Amino acid sequence: DERNMSQVELSALTGIGKSSISQYLSGKN
């Protein structure tokens, strides 16, 4: 939020799948 970064942008920068980012954000994984 502080960097106005979306899940898609973070996924592209890290090479980590968007679904994984989503699970990290939800606390599921």
All heavy atoms as atom14 arrays in JSON, in Angstrom:
{
  "sequence": "DERNMSQVELSALTGIGKSSISQYLSGKN",
  "atom14_mask": [
    [1, 1, 1, 1, 1, 1, 1, 1, 0, 0, 0, 0, 0, 0],
    [1, 1, 1, 1, 1, 1, 1, 1, 1, 0, 0, 0, 0, 0],
    [1, 1, 1, 1, 1, 1, 1, 1, 1, 1, 1, 0, 0, 0],
    [1, 1, 1, 1, 1, 1, 1, 1, 0, 0, 0, 0, 0, 0],
    [1, 1, 1, 1, 1, 1, 1, 1, 0, 0, 0, 0, 0, 0],
    [1, 1, 1, 1, 1, 1, 0, 0, 0, 0, 0, 0, 0, 0],
    [1, 1, 1, 1, 1, 1, 1, 1, 1, 0, 0, 0, 0, 0],
    [1, 1, 1, 1, 1, 1, 1, 0, 0, 0, 0, 0, 0, 0],
    [1, 1, 1, 1, 1, 1, 1, 1, 1, 0, 0, 0, 0, 0],
    [1, 1, 1, 1, 1, 1, 1, 1, 0, 0, 0, 0, 0, 0],
    [1, 1, 1, 1, 1, 1, 0, 0, 0, 0, 0, 0, 0, 0],
    [1, 1, 1, 1, 1, 0, 0, 0, 0, 0, 0, 0, 0, 0],
    [1, 1, 1, 1, 1, 1, 1, 1, 0, 0, 0, 0, 0, 0],
    [1, 1, 1, 1, 1, 1, 1, 0, 0, 0, 0, 0, 0, 0],
    [1, 1, 1, 1, 0, 0, 0, 0, 0, 0, 0, 0, 0, 0],
    [1, 1, 1, 1, 1, 1, 1, 1, 0, 0, 0, 0, 0, 0],
    [1, 1, 1, 1, 0, 0, 0, 0, 0, 0, 0, 0, 0, 0],
    [1, 1, 1, 1, 1, 1, 1, 1, 1, 0, 0, 0, 0, 0],
    [1, 1, 1, 1, 1, 1, 0, 0, 0, 0, 0, 0, 0, 0],
    [1, 1, 1, 1, 1, 1, 0, 0, 0, 0, 0, 0, 0, 0],
    [1, 1, 1, 1, 1, 1, 1, 1, 0, 0, 0, 0, 0, 0],
    [1, 1, 1, 1, 1, 1, 0, 0, 0, 0, 0, 0, 0, 0],
    [1, 1, 1, 1, 1, 1, 1, 1, 1, 0, 0, 0, 0, 0],
    [1, 1, 1, 1, 1, 1, 1, 1, 1, 1, 1, 1, 0, 0],
    [1, 1, 1, 1, 1, 1, 1, 1, 0, 0, 0, 0, 0, 0],
    [1, 1, 1, 1, 1, 1, 0, 0, 0, 0, 0, 0, 0, 0],
    [1, 1, 1, 1, 0, 0, 0, 0, 0, 0, 0, 0, 0, 0],
    [1, 1, 1, 1, 1, 1, 1, 1, 1, 0, 0, 0, 0, 0],
    [1, 1, 1, 1, 1, 1, 1, 1, 0, 0, 0, 0, 0, 0]
  ],
  "atom14_positions": [
    [[0.83, -1.21, 0.0], [0.0, 0.0, 0.0], [0.86, 1.26, 0.0], [0.57, 2.22, -0.72], [-0.94, 0.02, 1.21], [-2.08, -0.98, 1.09], [-2.32, -1.49, -0.03], [-2.73, -1.25, 2.11], [0.0, 0.0, 0.0], [0.0, 0.0, 0.0], [0.0, 0.0, 0.0], [0.0, 0.0, 0.0], [0.0, 0.0, 0.0], [0.0, 0.0, 0.0]],
    [[1.92, 1.26, 0.81], [2.82, 2.43, 0.88], [3.48, 2.74, -0.46], [3.82, 3.88, -0.74], [3.9, 2.2, 1.94], [3.41, 2.27, 3.35], [4.46, 1.87, 4.38], [5.58, 1.46, 3.99], [4.16, 1.97, 5.58], [0.0, 0.0, 0.0], [0.0, 0.0, 0.0], [0.0, 0.0, 0.0], [0.0, 0.0, 0.0], [0.0, 0.0, 0.0]],
    [[3.64, 1.71, -1.27], [4.31, 1.88, -2.57], [3.32, 1.85, -3.74], [3.72, 1.83, -4.89], [5.37, 0.79, -2.72], [6.55, 1.05, -1.79], [7.23, -0.24, -1.39], [8.29, -0.03, -0.43], [8.12, 0.09, 0.89], [6.92, 0.02, 1.41], [9.15, 0.26, 1.7], [0.0, 0.0, 0.0], [0.0, 0.0, 0.0], [0.0, 0.0, 0.0]],
    [[2.03, 1.82, -3.4], [0.98, 1.75, -4.43], [1.25, 0.63, -5.42], [1.14, 0.82, -6.63], [0.83, 3.09, -5.16], [0.35, 4.18, -4.25], [-0.53, 3.96, -3.42], [0.96, 5.35, -4.37], [0.0, 0.0, 0.0], [0.0, 0.0, 0.0], [0.0, 0.0, 0.0], [0.0, 0.0, 0.0], [0.0, 0.0, 0.0], [0.0, 0.0, 0.0]],
    [[1.62, -0.54, -4.9], [1.96, -1.67, -5.75], [0.86, -2.71, -5.72], [0.39, -3.1, -4.64], [3.29, -2.28, -5.31], [3.8, -3.34, -6.28], [5.42, -3.99, -5.85], [6.45, -2.56, -6.07], [0.0, 0.0, 0.0], [0.0, 0.0, 0.0], [0.0, 0.0, 0.0], [0.0, 0.0, 0.0], [0.0, 0.0, 0.0], [0.0, 0.0, 0.0]],
    [[0.46, -3.17, -6.88], [-0.58, -4.19, -6.97], [0.05, -5.59, -6.88], [1.27, -5.75, -7.01], [-1.33, -4.07, -8.29], [-0.49, -4.45, -9.36], [0.0, 0.0, 0.0], [0.0, 0.0, 0.0], [0.0, 0.0, 0.0], [0.0, 0.0, 0.0], [0.0, 0.0, 0.0], [0.0, 0.0, 0.0], [0.0, 0.0, 0.0], [0.0, 0.0, 0.0]],
    [[-0.8, -6.59, -6.71], [-0.34, -7.97, -6.7], [0.31, -8.34, -8.03], [1.32, -9.03, -8.06], [-1.49, -8.91, -6.41], [-2.04, -8.8, -5.01], [-3.19, -9.76, -4.76], [-3.21, -10.87, -5.28], [-4.15, -9.33, -3.95], [0.0, 0.0, 0.0], [0.0, 0.0, 0.0], [0.0, 0.0, 0.0], [0.0, 0.0, 0.0], [0.0, 0.0, 0.0]],
    [[-0.27, -7.86, -9.11], [0.26, -8.15, -10.45], [1.65, -7.56, -10.6], [2.57, -8.21, -11.11], [-0.7, -7.62, -11.54], [-0.09, -7.76, -12.92], [-2.04, -8.34, -11.48], [0.0, 0.0, 0.0], [0.0, 0.0, 0.0], [0.0, 0.0, 0.0], [0.0, 0.0, 0.0], [0.0, 0.0, 0.0], [0.0, 0.0, 0.0], [0.0, 0.0, 0.0]],
    [[1.83, -6.32, -10.14], [3.14, -5.67, -10.23], [4.18, -6.39, -9.38], [5.31, -6.62, -9.82], [3.04, -4.2, -9.8], [2.25, -3.34, -10.76], [1.92, -1.97, -10.19], [1.65, -1.86, -8.97], [1.94, -1.01, -10.98], [0.0, 0.0, 0.0], [0.0, 0.0, 0.0], [0.0, 0.0, 0.0], [0.0, 0.0, 0.0], [0.0, 0.0, 0.0]],
    [[3.79, -6.76, -8.15], [4.73, -7.48, -7.28], [5.08, -8.84, -7.88], [6.24, -9.25, -7.86], [4.12, -7.65, -5.88], [5.03, -8.3, -4.85], [6.33, -7.51, -4.66], [4.3, -8.44, -3.51], [0.0, 0.0, 0.0], [0.0, 0.0, 0.0], [0.0, 0.0, 0.0], [0.0, 0.0, 0.0], [0.0, 0.0, 0.0], [0.0, 0.0, 0.0]],
    [[4.11, -9.49, -8.46], [4.34, -10.77, -9.11], [5.35, -10.63, -10.25], [6.27, -11.43, -10.38], [3.03, -11.35, -9.63], [3.24, -12.53, -10.35], [0.0, 0.0, 0.0], [0.0, 0.0, 0.0], [0.0, 0.0, 0.0], [0.0, 0.0, 0.0], [0.0, 0.0, 0.0], [0.0, 0.0, 0.0], [0.0, 0.0, 0.0], [0.0, 0.0, 0.0]],
    [[5.18, -9.58, -11.06], [6.08, -9.36, -12.2], [7.5, -9.04, -11.73], [8.48, -9.5, -12.33], [5.55, -8.23, -13.07], [0.0, 0.0, 0.0], [0.0, 0.0, 0.0], [0.0, 0.0, 0.0], [0.0, 0.0, 0.0], [0.0, 0.0, 0.0], [0.0, 0.0, 0.0], [0.0, 0.0, 0.0], [0.0, 0.0, 0.0], [0.0, 0.0, 0.0]],
    [[7.63, -8.28, -10.65], [8.95, -7.9, -10.14], [9.69, -9.06, -9.48], [10.92, -9.1, -9.5], [8.83, -6.75, -9.14], [8.51, -5.38, -9.72], [8.19, -4.39, -8.61], [9.68, -4.87, -10.55], [0.0, 0.0, 0.0], [0.0, 0.0, 0.0], [0.0, 0.0, 0.0], [0.0, 0.0, 0.0], [0.0, 0.0, 0.0], [0.0, 0.0, 0.0]],
    [[8.94, -9.97, -8.87], [9.57, -11.05, -8.11], [9.64, -12.38, -8.84], [10.44, -13.24, -8.49], [8.81, -11.29, -6.79], [7.46, -11.66, -7.1], [8.84, -10.07, -5.9], [0.0, 0.0, 0.0], [0.0, 0.0, 0.0], [0.0, 0.0, 0.0], [0.0, 0.0, 0.0], [0.0, 0.0, 0.0], [0.0, 0.0, 0.0], [0.0, 0.0, 0.0]],
    [[8.77, -12.56, -9.83], [8.69, -13.86, -10.49], [7.86, -14.86, -9.7], [7.8, -16.04, -10.02], [0.0, 0.0, 0.0], [0.0, 0.0, 0.0], [0.0, 0.0, 0.0], [0.0, 0.0, 0.0], [0.0, 0.0, 0.0], [0.0, 0.0, 0.0], [0.0, 0.0, 0.0], [0.0, 0.0, 0.0], [0.0, 0.0, 0.0], [0.0, 0.0, 0.0]],
    [[7.21, -14.38, -8.64], [6.34, -15.22, -7.82], [4.93, -15.1, -8.39], [4.48, -14.01, -8.72], [6.36, -14.74, -6.35], [7.77, -14.88, -5.77], [5.35, -15.52, -5.51], [7.95, -14.21, -4.43], [0.0, 0.0, 0.0], [0.0, 0.0, 0.0], [0.0, 0.0, 0.0], [0.0, 0.0, 0.0], [0.0, 0.0, 0.0], [0.0, 0.0, 0.0]],
    [[4.23, -16.21, -8.5], [2.89, -16.21, -9.07], [1.91, -15.33, -8.32], [2.0, -15.2, -7.09], [0.0, 0.0, 0.0], [0.0, 0.0, 0.0], [0.0, 0.0, 0.0], [0.0, 0.0, 0.0], [0.0, 0.0, 0.0], [0.0, 0.0, 0.0], [0.0, 0.0, 0.0], [0.0, 0.0, 0.0], [0.0, 0.0, 0.0], [0.0, 0.0, 0.0]],
    [[0.98, -14.74, -9.06], [-0.02, -13.87, -8.45], [-0.85, -14.62, -7.41], [-1.2, -14.08, -6.36], [-0.94, -13.26, -9.52], [-1.91, -12.24, -8.95], [-2.94, -11.81, -9.99], [-4.08, -11.07, -9.37], [-4.83, -11.8, -8.35], [0.0, 0.0, 0.0], [0.0, 0.0, 0.0], [0.0, 0.0, 0.0], [0.0, 0.0, 0.0], [0.0, 0.0, 0.0]],
    [[-1.14, -15.88, -7.67], [-1.93, -16.66, -6.71], [-1.15, -16.85, -5.4], [-1.75, -16.82, -4.32], [-2.32, -18.01, -7.3], [-1.17, -18.77, -7.62], [0.0, 0.0, 0.0], [0.0, 0.0, 0.0], [0.0, 0.0, 0.0], [0.0, 0.0, 0.0], [0.0, 0.0, 0.0], [0.0, 0.0, 0.0], [0.0, 0.0, 0.0], [0.0, 0.0, 0.0]],
    [[0.16, -17.01, -5.49], [0.97, -17.14, -4.28], [0.96, -15.84, -3.5], [0.81, -15.84, -2.27], [2.41, -17.52, -4.63], [2.46, -18.81, -5.18], [0.0, 0.0, 0.0], [0.0, 0.0, 0.0], [0.0, 0.0, 0.0], [0.0, 0.0, 0.0], [0.0, 0.0, 0.0], [0.0, 0.0, 0.0], [0.0, 0.0, 0.0], [0.0, 0.0, 0.0]],
    [[1.11, -14.72, -4.2], [1.07, -13.4, -3.55], [-0.27, -13.23, -2.84], [-0.33, -12.79, -1.69], [1.27, -12.26, -4.57], [2.57, -12.42, -5.35], [1.14, -10.89, -3.9], [3.81, -11.88, -4.74], [0.0, 0.0, 0.0], [0.0, 0.0, 0.0], [0.0, 0.0, 0.0], [0.0, 0.0, 0.0], [0.0, 0.0, 0.0], [0.0, 0.0, 0.0]],
    [[-1.36, -13.62, -3.51], [-2.69, -13.52, -2.93], [-2.79, -14.35, -1.64], [-3.36, -13.91, -0.65], [-3.73, -13.98, -3.95], [-5.01, -13.95, -3.39], [0.0, 0.0, 0.0], [0.0, 0.0, 0.0], [0.0, 0.0, 0.0], [0.0, 0.0, 0.0], [0.0, 0.0, 0.0], [0.0, 0.0, 0.0], [0.0, 0.0, 0.0], [0.0, 0.0, 0.0]],
    [[-2.22, -15.55, -1.67], [-2.25, -16.41, -0.49], [-1.41, -15.82, 0.65], [-1.78, -15.94, 1.82], [-1.78, -17.82, -0.83], [-2.78, -18.55, -1.7], [-2.3, -19.94, -2.09], [-1.16, -20.31, -1.83], [-3.18, -20.7, -2.72], [0.0, 0.0, 0.0], [0.0, 0.0, 0.0], [0.0, 0.0, 0.0], [0.0, 0.0, 0.0], [0.0, 0.0, 0.0]],
    [[-0.29, -15.18, 0.32], [0.53, -14.53, 1.35], [-0.25, -13.38, 1.98], [-0.22, -13.19, 3.19], [1.84, -13.99, 0.78], [2.73, -15.01, 0.09], [3.62, -14.61, -0.88], [2.68, -16.37, 0.4], [4.45, -15.52, -1.52], [3.5, -17.28, -0.24], [4.38, -16.86, -1.2], [5.2, -17.76, -1.84], [0.0, 0.0, 0.0], [0.0, 0.0, 0.0]],
    [[-0.95, -12.62, 1.15], [-1.71, -11.47, 1.65], [-2.89, -11.9, 2.53], [-3.24, -11.21, 3.48], [-2.22, -10.61, 0.49], [-1.16, -9.75, -0.19], [-1.67, -9.22, -1.52], [-0.74, -8.61, 0.72], [0.0, 0.0, 0.0], [0.0, 0.0, 0.0], [0.0, 0.0, 0.0], [0.0, 0.0, 0.0], [0.0, 0.0, 0.0], [0.0, 0.0, 0.0]],
    [[-3.48, -13.02, 2.21], [-4.63, -13.49, 2.99], [-4.19, -14.21, 4.27], [-5.01, -14.46, 5.14], [-5.49, -14.44, 2.15], [-4.81, -15.67, 1.94], [0.0, 0.0, 0.0], [0.0, 0.0, 0.0], [0.0, 0.0, 0.0], [0.0, 0.0, 0.0], [0.0, 0.0, 0.0], [0.0, 0.0, 0.0], [0.0, 0.0, 0.0], [0.0, 0.0, 0.0]],
    [[-2.91, -14.54, 4.34], [-2.41, -15.27, 5.5], [-2.6, -16.77, 5.39], [-2.3, -17.52, 6.31], [0.0, 0.0, 0.0], [0.0, 0.0, 0.0], [0.0, 0.0, 0.0], [0.0, 0.0, 0.0], [0.0, 0.0, 0.0], [0.0, 0.0, 0.0], [0.0, 0.0, 0.0], [0.0, 0.0, 0.0], [0.0, 0.0, 0.0], [0.0, 0.0, 0.0]],
    [[-3.11, -17.21, 4.23], [-3.35, -18.64, 4.03], [-2.03, -19.42, 3.99], [-1.95, -20.52, 4.53], [-4.12, -18.85, 2.74], [-4.55, -20.27, 2.49], [-5.43, -20.39, 1.27], [-5.89, -21.81, 1.06], [-6.79, -21.94, -0.07], [0.0, 0.0, 0.0], [0.0, 0.0, 0.0], [0.0, 0.0, 0.0], [0.0, 0.0, 0.0], [0.0, 0.0, 0.0]],
    [[-1.02, -18.84, 3.36], [0.31, -19.44, 3.28], [1.36, -18.39, 3.62], [1.13, -17.2, 3.44], [0.6, -19.97, 1.87], [-0.15, -21.25, 1.57], [-0.38, -22.07, 2.45], [-0.52, -21.42, 0.32], [0.0, 0.0, 0.0], [0.0, 0.0, 0.0], [0.0, 0.0, 0.0], [0.0, 0.0, 0.0], [0.0, 0.0, 0.0], [0.0, 0.0, 0.0]]
  ]
}
